[in-house]
Amino acid sequence: MPIRRILAAVIATAALAGLGLTGAATAATAQGAPSYVTPSQCREGGGEPRIDLPGNPCVGGTYDGQAVD
């Protein structure tokens, strides 16, 4: 009987640890950068909004490559 209790405790601990890791990974990806920036944010970050290029990217600075809206 003690072996069953130990085995059950090990399985329960592993399952809870797995759920905790999944939650941490989800939280890390949810805090990503916004999908677009404003022209003023692009300039404040040291970039130049290039609305004349395909995709309207912010070129240079912190938001380099982000779409300008």
N, C-alpha and C. Protein backbone atom coordinates (compact mmCIF):
# COMPACT_ATOMS: atom_id res chain seq x y z
N MET A 1 0.80 -1.20 0.00
CA MET A 1 0.00 0.00 0.00
C MET A 1 0.84 1.27 0.00
N PRO A 2 1.94 1.34 0.76
CA PRO A 2 2.70 2.58 0.76
C PRO A 2 3.27 2.90 -0.62
N ILE A 3 3.55 1.86 -1.41
CA ILE A 3 4.09 2.10 -2.76
C ILE A 3 3.04 2.78 -3.62
N ARG A 4 1.79 2.39 -3.51
CA ARG A 4 0.72 3.01 -4.29
C ARG A 4 0.57 4.48 -3.91
N ARG A 5 0.65 4.77 -2.62
CA ARG A 5 0.52 6.17 -2.17
C ARG A 5 1.67 7.02 -2.69
N ILE A 6 2.86 6.47 -2.64
CA ILE A 6 4.03 7.20 -3.13
C ILE A 6 3.91 7.42 -4.64
N LEU A 7 3.52 6.38 -5.36
CA LEU A 7 3.36 6.49 -6.81
C LEU A 7 2.28 7.52 -7.15
N ALA A 8 1.18 7.52 -6.44
CA ALA A 8 0.11 8.48 -6.68
C ALA A 8 0.60 9.91 -6.40
N ALA A 9 1.38 10.08 -5.34
CA ALA A 9 1.92 11.40 -5.02
C ALA A 9 2.89 11.88 -6.10
N VAL A 10 3.71 10.99 -6.61
CA VAL A 10 4.67 11.34 -7.66
C VAL A 10 3.92 11.75 -8.93
N ILE A 11 2.90 11.01 -9.31
CA ILE A 11 2.13 11.33 -10.51
C ILE A 11 1.40 12.66 -10.35
N ALA A 12 0.81 12.88 -9.19
CA ALA A 12 0.10 14.13 -8.95
C ALA A 12 1.06 15.32 -8.98
N THR A 13 2.23 15.16 -8.40
CA THR A 13 3.22 16.24 -8.42
C THR A 13 3.68 16.54 -9.84
N ALA A 14 3.91 15.51 -10.62
CA ALA A 14 4.34 15.71 -12.02
C ALA A 14 3.25 16.40 -12.83
N ALA A 15 2.01 16.03 -12.60
CA ALA A 15 0.91 16.65 -13.33
C ALA A 15 0.78 18.12 -12.98
N LEU A 16 0.87 18.45 -11.70
CA LEU A 16 0.77 19.85 -11.28
C LEU A 16 1.96 20.66 -11.79
N ALA A 17 3.12 20.08 -11.80
CA ALA A 17 4.30 20.77 -12.32
C ALA A 17 4.13 21.04 -13.81
N GLY A 18 3.59 20.08 -14.53
CA GLY A 18 3.34 20.27 -15.96
C GLY A 18 2.36 21.39 -16.23
N LEU A 19 1.31 21.48 -15.42
CA LEU A 19 0.35 22.58 -15.58
C LEU A 19 1.00 23.91 -15.27
N GLY A 20 1.86 23.95 -14.28
CA GLY A 20 2.55 25.20 -13.94
C GLY A 20 3.47 25.65 -15.05
N LEU A 21 4.17 24.73 -15.69
CA LEU A 21 5.06 25.09 -16.79
C LEU A 21 4.26 25.58 -17.99
N THR A 22 3.13 24.97 -18.25
CA THR A 22 2.29 25.40 -19.36
C THR A 22 1.77 26.81 -19.11
N GLY A 23 1.36 27.10 -17.90
CA GLY A 23 0.88 28.44 -17.57
C GLY A 23 1.98 29.48 -17.70
N ALA A 24 3.19 29.15 -17.30
CA ALA A 24 4.31 30.09 -17.41
C ALA A 24 4.64 30.37 -18.86
N ALA A 25 4.58 29.36 -19.71
CA ALA A 25 4.88 29.56 -21.13
C ALA A 25 3.81 30.42 -21.79
N THR A 26 2.56 30.23 -21.41
CA THR A 26 1.48 31.03 -21.96
C THR A 26 1.62 32.48 -21.54
N ALA A 27 1.97 32.71 -20.28
CA ALA A 27 2.12 34.08 -19.80
C ALA A 27 3.29 34.78 -20.48
N ALA A 28 4.35 34.05 -20.76
CA ALA A 28 5.51 34.66 -21.40
C ALA A 28 5.19 35.08 -22.83
N THR A 29 4.42 34.29 -23.55
CA THR A 29 4.10 34.66 -24.93
C THR A 29 3.03 35.73 -24.99
N ALA A 30 2.19 35.81 -24.00
CA ALA A 30 1.14 36.81 -24.01
C ALA A 30 1.68 38.21 -23.78
N GLN A 31 2.87 38.35 -23.28
CA GLN A 31 3.42 39.66 -22.98
C GLN A 31 4.33 40.16 -24.09
N GLY A 32 4.13 39.71 -25.29
CA GLY A 32 4.96 40.14 -26.41
C GLY A 32 4.71 41.58 -26.80
N ALA A 33 5.49 42.08 -27.72
CA ALA A 33 5.36 43.45 -28.20
C ALA A 33 4.06 43.60 -29.00
N PRO A 34 3.54 44.82 -29.07
CA PRO A 34 2.33 45.04 -29.86
C PRO A 34 2.60 44.78 -31.34
N SER A 35 1.56 44.47 -32.09
CA SER A 35 1.74 44.13 -33.50
C SER A 35 1.99 45.36 -34.36
N TYR A 36 1.67 46.55 -33.86
CA TYR A 36 1.92 47.77 -34.60
C TYR A 36 2.26 48.90 -33.63
N VAL A 37 2.86 49.95 -34.13
CA VAL A 37 3.18 51.12 -33.32
C VAL A 37 2.67 52.36 -34.03
N THR A 38 2.50 53.43 -33.29
CA THR A 38 2.08 54.70 -33.89
C THR A 38 3.32 55.41 -34.45
N PRO A 39 3.13 56.34 -35.36
CA PRO A 39 4.28 57.08 -35.89
C PRO A 39 5.09 57.77 -34.78
N SER A 40 4.40 58.31 -33.78
CA SER A 40 5.13 58.99 -32.69
C SER A 40 5.92 57.99 -31.85
N GLN A 41 5.37 56.78 -31.61
CA GLN A 41 6.11 55.76 -30.88
C GLN A 41 7.36 55.35 -31.65
N CYS A 42 7.22 55.23 -32.96
CA CYS A 42 8.36 54.86 -33.81
C CYS A 42 9.46 55.91 -33.68
N ARG A 43 9.11 57.18 -33.77
CA ARG A 43 10.09 58.26 -33.67
C ARG A 43 10.72 58.32 -32.28
N GLU A 44 9.88 58.16 -31.24
CA GLU A 44 10.40 58.20 -29.86
C GLU A 44 11.37 57.05 -29.61
N GLY A 45 11.18 55.93 -30.29
CA GLY A 45 12.06 54.78 -30.15
C GLY A 45 13.32 54.90 -30.99
N GLY A 46 13.46 56.00 -31.70
CA GLY A 46 14.66 56.22 -32.49
C GLY A 46 14.55 55.77 -33.94
N GLY A 47 13.35 55.47 -34.38
CA GLY A 47 13.15 55.00 -35.75
C GLY A 47 12.50 56.05 -36.62
N GLU A 48 12.26 55.67 -37.85
CA GLU A 48 11.60 56.54 -38.83
C GLU A 48 10.44 55.77 -39.45
N PRO A 49 9.21 56.26 -39.30
CA PRO A 49 8.08 55.57 -39.93
C PRO A 49 8.15 55.72 -41.45
N ARG A 50 8.16 54.60 -42.15
CA ARG A 50 8.27 54.62 -43.61
C ARG A 50 6.97 54.10 -44.20
N ILE A 51 5.98 54.98 -44.30
CA ILE A 51 4.68 54.57 -44.84
C ILE A 51 4.72 54.42 -46.35
N ASP A 52 5.85 54.80 -46.96
CA ASP A 52 5.99 54.63 -48.41
C ASP A 52 6.47 53.23 -48.79
N LEU A 53 6.90 52.43 -47.82
CA LEU A 53 7.37 51.07 -48.08
C LEU A 53 6.24 50.08 -47.83
N PRO A 54 6.28 48.91 -48.50
CA PRO A 54 5.25 47.89 -48.27
C PRO A 54 5.21 47.46 -46.80
N GLY A 55 4.03 47.42 -46.24
CA GLY A 55 3.85 47.01 -44.85
C GLY A 55 4.00 48.16 -43.87
N ASN A 56 4.31 49.36 -44.35
CA ASN A 56 4.47 50.55 -43.50
C ASN A 56 5.35 50.29 -42.28
N PRO A 57 6.61 49.89 -42.47
CA PRO A 57 7.44 49.54 -41.31
C PRO A 57 8.05 50.76 -40.61
N CYS A 58 8.39 50.55 -39.36
CA CYS A 58 9.22 51.49 -38.61
C CYS A 58 10.66 51.02 -38.87
N VAL A 59 11.49 51.91 -39.39
CA VAL A 59 12.85 51.54 -39.77
C VAL A 59 13.82 52.10 -38.74
N GLY A 60 14.56 51.21 -38.08
CA GLY A 60 15.55 51.60 -37.08
C GLY A 60 14.93 51.74 -35.70
N GLY A 61 15.78 51.88 -34.71
CA GLY A 61 15.33 52.10 -33.34
C GLY A 61 14.75 50.87 -32.66
N THR A 62 14.04 51.14 -31.59
CA THR A 62 13.47 50.08 -30.76
C THR A 62 12.42 49.25 -31.49
N TYR A 63 11.62 49.89 -32.33
CA TYR A 63 10.51 49.21 -33.00
C TYR A 63 10.83 48.82 -34.44
N ASP A 64 12.08 48.64 -34.74
CA ASP A 64 12.51 48.31 -36.10
C ASP A 64 11.75 47.11 -36.65
N GLY A 65 11.13 47.29 -37.82
CA GLY A 65 10.39 46.21 -38.46
C GLY A 65 8.93 46.13 -38.09
N GLN A 66 8.51 46.81 -37.03
CA GLN A 66 7.11 46.79 -36.63
C GLN A 66 6.29 47.62 -37.60
N ALA A 67 5.05 47.21 -37.84
CA ALA A 67 4.16 47.96 -38.72
C ALA A 67 3.73 49.26 -38.03
N VAL A 68 3.66 50.33 -38.81
CA VAL A 68 3.20 51.62 -38.31
C VAL A 68 1.75 51.79 -38.68
N ASP A 69 0.91 52.13 -37.69
CA ASP A 69 -0.52 52.31 -37.94
C ASP A 69 -0.89 53.76 -37.82
